[in-house]
Amino acid sequence: MEDRIRNINLYDYYYLLLTDKQQTYFEEYYFNNLSLQEISELYSVSRNAIYKTIKDVCLKLEEYENNLKLYEKGQKLKKIIDEVDDEELKGRLSDIL
C-alpha cells in the first residue's frame, strides 16, 4: 500500500515527463482502479505490455525523484510551513506548494 501511495505522489510531481500512453495506463491502473486485463482490453494491447509500461513508469518516477528530489523537498517544506505561526504567511506559502 505504501508503494502505491508513493507512486501516486511521485506521479503528481513528474507526470508531465511521461508520454501520453504512459500517463493513460498509469491513471487507469492507479486512479481508476482498472485491472491490467481491463486496461489491455480497453486499449487493445496485451496485458504484458500494460504491465511492463506501468512497471517502467514506476521505475522512471523513482529515477526522477532520485535525481530531482522534488517530492522530498515538498515534504520538507510542508513540515516547515506547519510550524509557521503567522496564518497569512502560512496560507500564502501553502498556495505555492
PDB file of N, CA and C in Angstrom:
ATOM      1  N   MET A   1       0.825  -1.200   0.000  1.00  0.00           N
ATOM      2  CA  MET A   1       0.000   0.000   0.000  1.00  0.00           C
ATOM      3  C   MET A   1       0.863   1.255   0.000  1.00  0.00           C
ATOM      4  N   GLU A   2       1.959   1.226   0.748  1.00  0.00           N
ATOM      5  CA  GLU A   2       2.857   2.383   0.792  1.00  0.00           C
ATOM      6  C   GLU A   2       3.466   2.665  -0.575  1.00  0.00           C
ATOM      7  N   ASP A   3       3.801   1.603  -1.319  1.00  0.00           N
ATOM      8  CA  ASP A   3       4.357   1.782  -2.665  1.00  0.00           C
ATOM      9  C   ASP A   3       3.337   2.453  -3.574  1.00  0.00           C
ATOM     10  N   ARG A   4       2.092   2.050  -3.435  1.00  0.00           N
ATOM     11  CA  ARG A   4       1.018   2.622  -4.258  1.00  0.00           C
ATOM     12  C   ARG A   4       0.887   4.118  -3.984  1.00  0.00           C
ATOM     13  N   ILE A   5       0.869   4.491  -2.723  1.00  0.00           N
ATOM     14  CA  ILE A   5       0.744   5.898  -2.344  1.00  0.00           C
ATOM     15  C   ILE A   5       1.955   6.678  -2.821  1.00  0.00           C
ATOM     16  N   ARG A   6       3.137   6.110  -2.659  1.00  0.00           N
ATOM     17  CA  ARG A   6       4.354   6.788  -3.113  1.00  0.00           C
ATOM     18  C   ARG A   6       4.319   6.990  -4.635  1.00  0.00           C
ATOM     19  N   ASN A   7       3.941   5.963  -5.367  1.00  0.00           N
ATOM     20  CA  ASN A   7       3.872   6.079  -6.833  1.00  0.00           C
ATOM     21  C   ASN A   7       2.906   7.182  -7.250  1.00  0.00           C
ATOM     22  N   ILE A   8       1.766   7.254  -6.583  1.00  0.00           N
ATOM     23  CA  ILE A   8       0.779   8.290  -6.905  1.00  0.00           C
ATOM     24  C   ILE A   8       1.338   9.673  -6.585  1.00  0.00           C
ATOM     25  N   ASN A   9       2.000   9.808  -5.440  1.00  0.00           N
ATOM     26  CA  ASN A   9       2.592  11.098  -5.068  1.00  0.00           C
ATOM     27  C   ASN A   9       3.685  11.514  -6.051  1.00  0.00           C
ATOM     28  N   LEU A  10       4.520  10.583  -6.427  1.00  0.00           N
ATOM     29  CA  LEU A  10       5.572  10.895  -7.398  1.00  0.00           C
ATOM     30  C   LEU A  10       4.965  11.255  -8.749  1.00  0.00           C
ATOM     31  N   TYR A  11       3.907  10.577  -9.118  1.00  0.00           N
ATOM     32  CA  TYR A  11       3.225  10.878 -10.382  1.00  0.00           C
ATOM     33  C   TYR A  11       2.725  12.322 -10.383  1.00  0.00           C
ATOM     34  N   ASP A  12       2.205  12.783  -9.258  1.00  0.00           N
ATOM     35  CA  ASP A  12       1.733  14.169  -9.165  1.00  0.00           C
ATOM     36  C   ASP A  12       2.836  15.170  -9.483  1.00  0.00           C
ATOM     37  N   TYR A  13       4.052  14.832  -9.137  1.00  0.00           N
ATOM     38  CA  TYR A  13       5.186  15.727  -9.383  1.00  0.00           C
ATOM     39  C   TYR A  13       5.745  15.602 -10.803  1.00  0.00           C
ATOM     40  N   TYR A  14       5.766  14.401 -11.342  1.00  0.00           N
ATOM     41  CA  TYR A  14       6.540  14.148 -12.558  1.00  0.00           C
ATOM     42  C   TYR A  14       5.735  13.684 -13.767  1.00  0.00           C
ATOM     43  N   TYR A  15       4.416  13.706 -13.714  1.00  0.00           N
ATOM     44  CA  TYR A  15       3.625  13.127 -14.810  1.00  0.00           C
ATOM     45  C   TYR A  15       3.884  13.792 -16.158  1.00  0.00           C
ATOM     46  N   LEU A  16       4.248  15.067 -16.141  1.00  0.00           N
ATOM     47  CA  LEU A  16       4.485  15.752 -17.419  1.00  0.00           C
ATOM     48  C   LEU A  16       5.731  15.238 -18.147  1.00  0.00           C
ATOM     49  N   LEU A  17       6.567  14.519 -17.437  1.00  0.00           N
ATOM     50  CA  LEU A  17       7.773  13.955 -18.052  1.00  0.00           C
ATOM     51  C   LEU A  17       7.503  12.607 -18.726  1.00  0.00           C
ATOM     52  N   LEU A  18       6.269  12.122 -18.618  1.00  0.00           N
ATOM     53  CA  LEU A  18       5.896  10.834 -19.195  1.00  0.00           C
ATOM     54  C   LEU A  18       5.157  11.031 -20.516  1.00  0.00           C
ATOM     55  N   THR A  19       5.161   9.996 -21.333  1.00  0.00           N
ATOM     56  CA  THR A  19       4.415  10.049 -22.584  1.00  0.00           C
ATOM     57  C   THR A  19       2.913   9.976 -22.292  1.00  0.00           C
ATOM     58  N   ASP A  20       2.110  10.332 -23.269  1.00  0.00           N
ATOM     59  CA  ASP A  20       0.654  10.261 -23.114  1.00  0.00           C
ATOM     60  C   ASP A  20       0.202   8.833 -22.807  1.00  0.00           C
ATOM     61  N   LYS A  21       0.793   7.872 -23.485  1.00  0.00           N
ATOM     62  CA  LYS A  21       0.441   6.466 -23.268  1.00  0.00           C
ATOM     63  C   LYS A  21       0.796   6.041 -21.840  1.00  0.00           C
ATOM     64  N   GLN A  22       1.967   6.430 -21.364  1.00  0.00           N
ATOM     65  CA  GLN A  22       2.365   6.094 -20.001  1.00  0.00           C
ATOM     66  C   GLN A  22       1.414   6.722 -18.981  1.00  0.00           C
ATOM     67  N   GLN A  23       1.055   7.966 -19.221  1.00  0.00           N
ATOM     68  CA  GLN A  23       0.122   8.645 -18.323  1.00  0.00           C
ATOM     69  C   GLN A  23      -1.225   7.927 -18.301  1.00  0.00           C
ATOM     70  N   THR A  24      -1.711   7.577 -19.470  1.00  0.00           N
ATOM     71  CA  THR A  24      -3.019   6.925 -19.577  1.00  0.00           C
ATOM     72  C   THR A  24      -3.046   5.601 -18.830  1.00  0.00           C
ATOM     73  N   TYR A  25      -2.076   4.740 -19.077  1.00  0.00           N
ATOM     74  CA  TYR A  25      -2.055   3.427 -18.429  1.00  0.00           C
ATOM     75  C   TYR A  25      -1.897   3.579 -16.921  1.00  0.00           C
ATOM     76  N   PHE A  26      -1.023   4.489 -16.500  1.00  0.00           N
ATOM     77  CA  PHE A  26      -0.814   4.710 -15.067  1.00  0.00           C
ATOM     78  C   PHE A  26      -2.111   5.169 -14.414  1.00  0.00           C
ATOM     79  N   GLU A  27      -2.772   6.136 -15.025  1.00  0.00           N
ATOM     80  CA  GLU A  27      -4.009   6.678 -14.457  1.00  0.00           C
ATOM     81  C   GLU A  27      -5.123   5.638 -14.427  1.00  0.00           C
ATOM     82  N   GLU A  28      -5.219   4.844 -15.471  1.00  0.00           N
ATOM     83  CA  GLU A  28      -6.237   3.790 -15.483  1.00  0.00           C
ATOM     84  C   GLU A  28      -5.995   2.793 -14.352  1.00  0.00           C
ATOM     85  N   TYR A  29      -4.748   2.445 -14.134  1.00  0.00           N
ATOM     86  CA  TYR A  29      -4.407   1.457 -13.117  1.00  0.00           C
ATOM     87  C   TYR A  29      -4.497   2.035 -11.700  1.00  0.00           C
ATOM     88  N   TYR A  30      -3.886   3.183 -11.473  1.00  0.00           N
ATOM     89  CA  TYR A  30      -3.799   3.725 -10.120  1.00  0.00           C
ATOM     90  C   TYR A  30      -4.993   4.595  -9.712  1.00  0.00           C
ATOM     91  N   PHE A  31      -5.549   5.349 -10.628  1.00  0.00           N
ATOM     92  CA  PHE A  31      -6.631   6.267 -10.264  1.00  0.00           C
ATOM     93  C   PHE A  31      -8.016   5.680 -10.532  1.00  0.00           C
ATOM     94  N   ASN A  32      -8.148   4.922 -11.613  1.00  0.00           N
ATOM     95  CA  ASN A  32      -9.452   4.347 -11.961  1.00  0.00           C
ATOM     96  C   ASN A  32      -9.597   2.905 -11.490  1.00  0.00           C
ATOM     97  N   ASN A  33      -8.534   2.377 -10.881  1.00  0.00           N
ATOM     98  CA  ASN A  33      -8.531   1.025 -10.300  1.00  0.00           C
ATOM     99  C   ASN A  33      -8.922  -0.070 -11.290  1.00  0.00           C
ATOM    100  N   LEU A  34      -8.523   0.102 -12.536  1.00  0.00           N
ATOM    101  CA  LEU A  34      -8.756  -0.951 -13.517  1.00  0.00           C
ATOM    102  C   LEU A  34      -7.662  -2.009 -13.392  1.00  0.00           C
ATOM    103  N   SER A  35      -8.012  -3.227 -13.653  1.00  0.00           N
ATOM    104  CA  SER A  35      -7.018  -4.300 -13.642  1.00  0.00           C
ATOM    105  C   SER A  35      -6.193  -4.223 -14.926  1.00  0.00           C
ATOM    106  N   LEU A  36      -5.092  -4.930 -14.930  1.00  0.00           N
ATOM    107  CA  LEU A  36      -4.255  -4.976 -16.135  1.00  0.00           C
ATOM    108  C   LEU A  36      -5.054  -5.542 -17.304  1.00  0.00           C
ATOM    109  N   GLN A  37      -5.859  -6.557 -17.032  1.00  0.00           N
ATOM    110  CA  GLN A  37      -6.678  -7.174 -18.074  1.00  0.00           C
ATOM    111  C   GLN A  37      -7.695  -6.176 -18.632  1.00  0.00           C
ATOM    112  N   GLU A  38      -8.333  -5.419 -17.755  1.00  0.00           N
ATOM    113  CA  GLU A  38      -9.312  -4.429 -18.211  1.00  0.00           C
ATOM    114  C   GLU A  38      -8.660  -3.353 -19.075  1.00  0.00           C
ATOM    115  N   ILE A  39      -7.483  -2.909 -18.671  1.00  0.00           N
ATOM    116  CA  ILE A  39      -6.769  -1.886 -19.448  1.00  0.00           C
ATOM    117  C   ILE A  39      -6.373  -2.455 -20.805  1.00  0.00           C
ATOM    118  N   SER A  40      -5.887  -3.689 -20.807  1.00  0.00           N
ATOM    119  CA  SER A  40      -5.456  -4.300 -22.071  1.00  0.00           C
ATOM    120  C   SER A  40      -6.634  -4.448 -23.031  1.00  0.00           C
ATOM    121  N   GLU A  41      -7.795  -4.788 -22.527  1.00  0.00           N
ATOM    122  CA  GLU A  41      -8.977  -4.912 -23.381  1.00  0.00           C
ATOM    123  C   GLU A  41      -9.441  -3.539 -23.874  1.00  0.00           C
ATOM    124  N   LEU A  42      -9.370  -2.559 -22.999  1.00  0.00           N
ATOM    125  CA  LEU A  42      -9.821  -1.212 -23.342  1.00  0.00           C
ATOM    126  C   LEU A  42      -8.991  -0.599 -24.469  1.00  0.00           C
ATOM    127  N   TYR A  43      -7.674  -0.869 -24.450  1.00  0.00           N
ATOM    128  CA  TYR A  43      -6.766  -0.256 -25.430  1.00  0.00           C
ATOM    129  C   TYR A  43      -6.235  -1.246 -26.466  1.00  0.00           C
ATOM    130  N   SER A  44      -6.751  -2.457 -26.457  1.00  0.00           N
ATOM    131  CA  SER A  44      -6.350  -3.495 -27.426  1.00  0.00           C
ATOM    132  C   SER A  44      -4.836  -3.701 -27.438  1.00  0.00           C
ATOM    133  N   VAL A  45      -4.297  -3.839 -26.241  1.00  0.00           N
ATOM    134  CA  VAL A  45      -2.864  -4.078 -26.053  1.00  0.00           C
ATOM    135  C   VAL A  45      -2.734  -5.280 -25.129  1.00  0.00           C
ATOM    136  N   SER A  46      -1.658  -6.020 -25.255  1.00  0.00           N
ATOM    137  CA  SER A  46      -1.509  -7.202 -24.410  1.00  0.00           C
ATOM    138  C   SER A  46      -1.387  -6.814 -22.933  1.00  0.00           C
ATOM    139  N   ARG A  47      -1.836  -7.710 -22.100  1.00  0.00           N
ATOM    140  CA  ARG A  47      -1.757  -7.491 -20.655  1.00  0.00           C
ATOM    141  C   ARG A  47      -0.298  -7.301 -20.228  1.00  0.00           C
ATOM    142  N   ASN A  48       0.587  -8.057 -20.853  1.00  0.00           N
ATOM    143  CA  ASN A  48       2.004  -7.969 -20.537  1.00  0.00           C
ATOM    144  C   ASN A  48       2.577  -6.597 -20.897  1.00  0.00           C
ATOM    145  N   ALA A  49       2.127  -6.022 -22.011  1.00  0.00           N
ATOM    146  CA  ALA A  49       2.600  -4.694 -22.423  1.00  0.00           C
ATOM    147  C   ALA A  49       2.140  -3.637 -21.420  1.00  0.00           C
ATOM    148  N   ILE A  50       0.913  -3.775 -20.926  1.00  0.00           N
ATOM    149  CA  ILE A  50       0.402  -2.839 -19.913  1.00  0.00           C
ATOM    150  C   ILE A  50       1.227  -2.969 -18.640  1.00  0.00           C
ATOM    151  N   TYR A  51       1.451  -4.207 -18.212  1.00  0.00           N
ATOM    152  CA  TYR A  51       2.241  -4.453 -17.003  1.00  0.00           C
ATOM    153  C   TYR A  51       3.633  -3.838 -17.130  1.00  0.00           C
ATOM    154  N   LYS A  52       4.288  -4.092 -18.257  1.00  0.00           N
ATOM    155  CA  LYS A  52       5.643  -3.579 -18.472  1.00  0.00           C
ATOM    156  C   LYS A  52       5.655  -2.049 -18.486  1.00  0.00           C
ATOM    157  N   THR A  53       4.681  -1.437 -19.129  1.00  0.00           N
ATOM    158  CA  THR A  53       4.625   0.025 -19.197  1.00  0.00           C
ATOM    159  C   THR A  53       4.445   0.620 -17.805  1.00  0.00           C
ATOM    160  N   ILE A  54       3.532   0.069 -17.025  1.00  0.00           N
ATOM    161  CA  ILE A  54       3.291   0.591 -15.677  1.00  0.00           C
ATOM    162  C   ILE A  54       4.528   0.393 -14.797  1.00  0.00           C
ATOM    163  N   LYS A  55       5.145  -0.754 -14.924  1.00  0.00           N
ATOM    164  CA  LYS A  55       6.372  -1.016 -14.159  1.00  0.00           C
ATOM    165  C   LYS A  55       7.474  -0.033 -14.554  1.00  0.00           C
ATOM    166  N   ASP A  56       7.633   0.202 -15.844  1.00  0.00           N
ATOM    167  CA  ASP A  56       8.631   1.161 -16.332  1.00  0.00           C
ATOM    168  C   ASP A  56       8.343   2.575 -15.834  1.00  0.00           C
ATOM    169  N   VAL A  57       7.065   2.946 -15.816  1.00  0.00           N
ATOM    170  CA  VAL A  57       6.683   4.274 -15.323  1.00  0.00           C
ATOM    171  C   VAL A  57       7.090   4.422 -13.861  1.00  0.00           C
ATOM    172  N   CYS A  58       6.811   3.415 -13.057  1.00  0.00           N
ATOM    173  CA  CYS A  58       7.164   3.482 -11.632  1.00  0.00           C
ATOM    174  C   CYS A  58       8.674   3.598 -11.445  1.00  0.00           C
ATOM    175  N   LEU A  59       9.435   2.891 -12.249  1.00  0.00           N
ATOM    176  CA  LEU A  59      10.899   2.993 -12.181  1.00  0.00           C
ATOM    177  C   LEU A  59      11.365   4.385 -12.604  1.00  0.00           C
ATOM    178  N   LYS A  60      10.745   4.938 -13.647  1.00  0.00           N
ATOM    179  CA  LYS A  60      11.098   6.292 -14.094  1.00  0.00           C
ATOM    180  C   LYS A  60      10.772   7.318 -13.022  1.00  0.00           C
ATOM    181  N   LEU A  61       9.621   7.171 -12.393  1.00  0.00           N
ATOM    182  CA  LEU A  61       9.234   8.109 -11.341  1.00  0.00           C
ATOM    183  C   LEU A  61      10.259   8.097 -10.204  1.00  0.00           C
ATOM    184  N   GLU A  62      10.703   6.912  -9.832  1.00  0.00           N
ATOM    185  CA  GLU A  62      11.736   6.800  -8.789  1.00  0.00           C
ATOM    186  C   GLU A  62      13.053   7.428  -9.253  1.00  0.00           C
ATOM    187  N   GLU A  63      13.394   7.202 -10.499  1.00  0.00           N
ATOM    188  CA  GLU A  63      14.620   7.780 -11.054  1.00  0.00           C
ATOM    189  C   GLU A  63      14.548   9.304 -11.050  1.00  0.00           C
ATOM    190  N   TYR A  64      13.419   9.842 -11.475  1.00  0.00           N
ATOM    191  CA  TYR A  64      13.246  11.299 -11.456  1.00  0.00           C
ATOM    192  C   TYR A  64      13.382  11.836 -10.033  1.00  0.00           C
ATOM    193  N   GLU A  65      12.771  11.147  -9.091  1.00  0.00           N
ATOM    194  CA  GLU A  65      12.842  11.601  -7.701  1.00  0.00           C
ATOM    195  C   GLU A  65      14.265  11.495  -7.162  1.00  0.00           C
ATOM    196  N   ASN A  66      14.962  10.423  -7.497  1.00  0.00           N
ATOM    197  CA  ASN A  66      16.354  10.265  -7.044  1.00  0.00           C
ATOM    198  C   ASN A  66      17.239  11.395  -7.558  1.00  0.00           C
ATOM    199  N   ASN A  67      16.947  11.874  -8.761  1.00  0.00           N
ATOM    200  CA  ASN A  67      17.759  12.933  -9.353  1.00  0.00           C
ATOM    201  C   ASN A  67      17.306  14.329  -8.959  1.00  0.00           C
ATOM    202  N   LEU A  68      16.009  14.555  -8.902  1.00  0.00           N
ATOM    203  CA  LEU A  68      15.484  15.909  -8.700  1.00  0.00           C
ATOM    204  C   LEU A  68      15.036  16.207  -7.262  1.00  0.00           C
ATOM    205  N   LYS A  69      14.599  15.181  -6.556  1.00  0.00           N
ATOM    206  CA  LYS A  69      14.182  15.306  -5.142  1.00  0.00           C
ATOM    207  C   LYS A  69      13.038  16.302  -4.918  1.00  0.00           C
ATOM    208  N   LEU A  70      12.164  16.486  -5.897  1.00  0.00           N
ATOM    209  CA  LEU A  70      11.072  17.451  -5.747  1.00  0.00           C
ATOM    210  C   LEU A  70      10.063  17.006  -4.687  1.00  0.00           C
ATOM    211  N   TYR A  71       9.723  15.731  -4.665  1.00  0.00           N
ATOM    212  CA  TYR A  71       8.778  15.222  -3.669  1.00  0.00           C
ATOM    213  C   TYR A  71       9.354  15.362  -2.259  1.00  0.00           C
ATOM    214  N   GLU A  72      10.599  14.961  -2.107  1.00  0.00           N
ATOM    215  CA  GLU A  72      11.271  15.054  -0.796  1.00  0.00           C
ATOM    216  C   GLU A  72      11.317  16.504  -0.308  1.00  0.00           C
ATOM    217  N   LYS A  73      11.680  17.409  -1.188  1.00  0.00           N
ATOM    218  CA  LYS A  73      11.739  18.826  -0.825  1.00  0.00           C
ATOM    219  C   LYS A  73      10.354  19.365  -0.496  1.00  0.00           C
ATOM    220  N   GLY A  74       9.349  18.920  -1.228  1.00  0.00           N
ATOM    221  CA  GLY A  74       7.978  19.334  -0.959  1.00  0.00           C
ATOM    222  C   GLY A  74       7.518  18.885   0.417  1.00  0.00           C
ATOM    223  N   GLN A  75       7.880  17.663   0.793  1.00  0.00           N
ATOM    224  CA  GLN A  75       7.516  17.152   2.115  1.00  0.00           C
ATOM    225  C   GLN A  75       8.200  17.965   3.222  1.00  0.00           C
ATOM    226  N   LYS A  76       9.455  18.299   3.015  1.00  0.00           N
ATOM    227  CA  LYS A  76      10.180  19.109   3.996  1.00  0.00           C
ATOM    228  C   LYS A  76       9.564  20.500   4.120  1.00  0.00           C
ATOM    229  N   LEU A  77       9.200  21.083   2.991  1.00  0.00           N
ATOM    230  CA  LEU A  77       8.568  22.410   3.015  1.00  0.00           C
ATOM    231  C   LEU A  77       7.229  22.375   3.741  1.00  0.00           C
ATOM    232  N   LYS A  78       6.447  21.325   3.541  1.00  0.00           N
ATOM    233  CA  LYS A  78       5.166  21.196   4.236  1.00  0.00           C
ATOM    234  C   LYS A  78       5.364  21.161   5.748  1.00  0.00           C
ATOM    235  N   LYS A  79       6.387  20.455   6.199  1.00  0.00           N
ATOM    236  CA  LYS A  79       6.674  20.402   7.638  1.00  0.00           C
ATOM    237  C   LYS A  79       7.055  21.782   8.174  1.00  0.00           C
ATOM    238  N   ILE A  80       7.857  22.498   7.430  1.00  0.00           N
ATOM    239  CA  ILE A  80       8.264  23.846   7.849  1.00  0.00           C
ATOM    240  C   ILE A  80       7.047  24.775   7.885  1.00  0.00           C
ATOM    241  N   ILE A  81       6.210  24.691   6.861  1.00  0.00           N
ATOM    242  CA  ILE A  81       5.012  25.534   6.806  1.00  0.00           C
ATOM    243  C   ILE A  81       4.100  25.258   7.995  1.00  0.00           C
ATOM    244  N   ASP A  82       3.993  23.997   8.381  1.00  0.00           N
ATOM    245  CA  ASP A  82       3.156  23.642   9.535  1.00  0.00           C
ATOM    246  C   ASP A  82       3.643  24.299  10.825  1.00  0.00           C
ATOM    247  N   GLU A  83       4.918  24.615  10.892  1.00  0.00           N
ATOM    248  CA  GLU A  83       5.496  25.233  12.090  1.00  0.00           C
ATOM    249  C   GLU A  83       5.364  26.754  12.108  1.00  0.00           C
ATOM    250  N   VAL A  84       4.948  27.344  10.999  1.00  0.00           N
ATOM    251  CA  VAL A  84       4.811  28.798  10.910  1.00  0.00           C
ATOM    252  C   VAL A  84       3.586  29.241  11.715  1.00  0.00           C
ATOM    253  N   ASP A  85       3.764  30.279  12.552  1.00  0.00           N
ATOM    254  CA  ASP A  85       2.669  30.779  13.389  1.00  0.00           C
ATOM    255  C   ASP A  85       1.788  31.788  12.667  1.00  0.00           C
ATOM    256  N   ASP A  86       2.347  32.563  11.772  1.00  0.00           N
ATOM    257  CA  ASP A  86       1.611  33.596  11.048  1.00  0.00           C
ATOM    258  C   ASP A  86       0.682  32.919  10.025  1.00  0.00           C
ATOM    259  N   GLU A  87      -0.636  32.980  10.280  1.00  0.00           N
ATOM    260  CA  GLU A  87      -1.603  32.278   9.436  1.00  0.00           C
ATOM    261  C   GLU A  87      -1.640  32.809   8.004  1.00  0.00           C
ATOM    262  N   GLU A  88      -1.473  34.114   7.841  1.00  0.00           N
ATOM    263  CA  GLU A  88      -1.474  34.689   6.492  1.00  0.00           C
ATOM    264  C   GLU A  88      -0.283  34.170   5.698  1.00  0.00           C
ATOM    265  N   LEU A  89       0.879  34.209   6.325  1.00  0.00           N
ATOM    266  CA  LEU A  89       2.089  33.700   5.670  1.00  0.00           C
ATOM    267  C   LEU A  89       1.952  32.204   5.397  1.00  0.00           C
ATOM    268  N   LYS A  90       1.415  31.491   6.351  1.00  0.00           N
ATOM    269  CA  LYS A  90       1.217  30.048   6.201  1.00  0.00           C
ATOM    270  C   LYS A  90       0.331  29.762   4.980  1.00  0.00           C
ATOM    271  N   GLY A  91      -0.742  30.518   4.834  1.00  0.00           N
ATOM    272  CA  GLY A  91      -1.638  30.343   3.702  1.00  0.00           C
ATOM    273  C   GLY A  91      -0.973  30.648   2.387  1.00  0.00           C
ATOM    274  N   ARG A  92      -0.209  31.720   2.350  1.00  0.00           N
ATOM    275  CA  ARG A  92       0.486  32.101   1.115  1.00  0.00           C
ATOM    276  C   ARG A  92       1.512  31.060   0.721  1.00  0.00           C
ATOM    277  N   LEU A  93       2.242  30.535   1.694  1.00  0.00           N
ATOM    278  CA  LEU A  93       3.243  29.504   1.407  1.00  0.00           C
ATOM    279  C   LEU A  93       2.566  28.209   0.947  1.00  0.00           C
ATOM    280  N   SER A  94       1.459  27.852   1.567  1.00  0.00           N
ATOM    281  CA  SER A  94       0.730  26.646   1.185  1.00  0.00           C
ATOM    282  C   SER A  94       0.217  26.745  -0.241  1.00  0.00           C
ATOM    283  N   ASP A  95      -0.204  27.942  -0.641  1.00  0.00           N
ATOM    284  CA  ASP A  95      -0.691  28.146  -2.009  1.00  0.00           C
ATOM    285  C   ASP A  95       0.400  27.882  -3.040  1.00  0.00           C
ATOM    286  N   ILE A  96       1.629  28.174  -2.687  1.00  0.00           N
ATOM    287  CA  ILE A  96       2.743  27.941  -3.601  1.00  0.00           C
ATOM    288  C   ILE A  96       2.967  26.467  -3.831  1.00  0.00           C
ATOM    289  N   LEU A  97       2.826  25.691  -2.772  1.00  0.00           N
ATOM    290  CA  LEU A  97       3.005  24.236  -2.917  1.00  0.00           C
ATOM    291  C   LEU A  97       1.809  23.652  -3.616  1.00  0.00           C
TER     292      LEU A  97
END
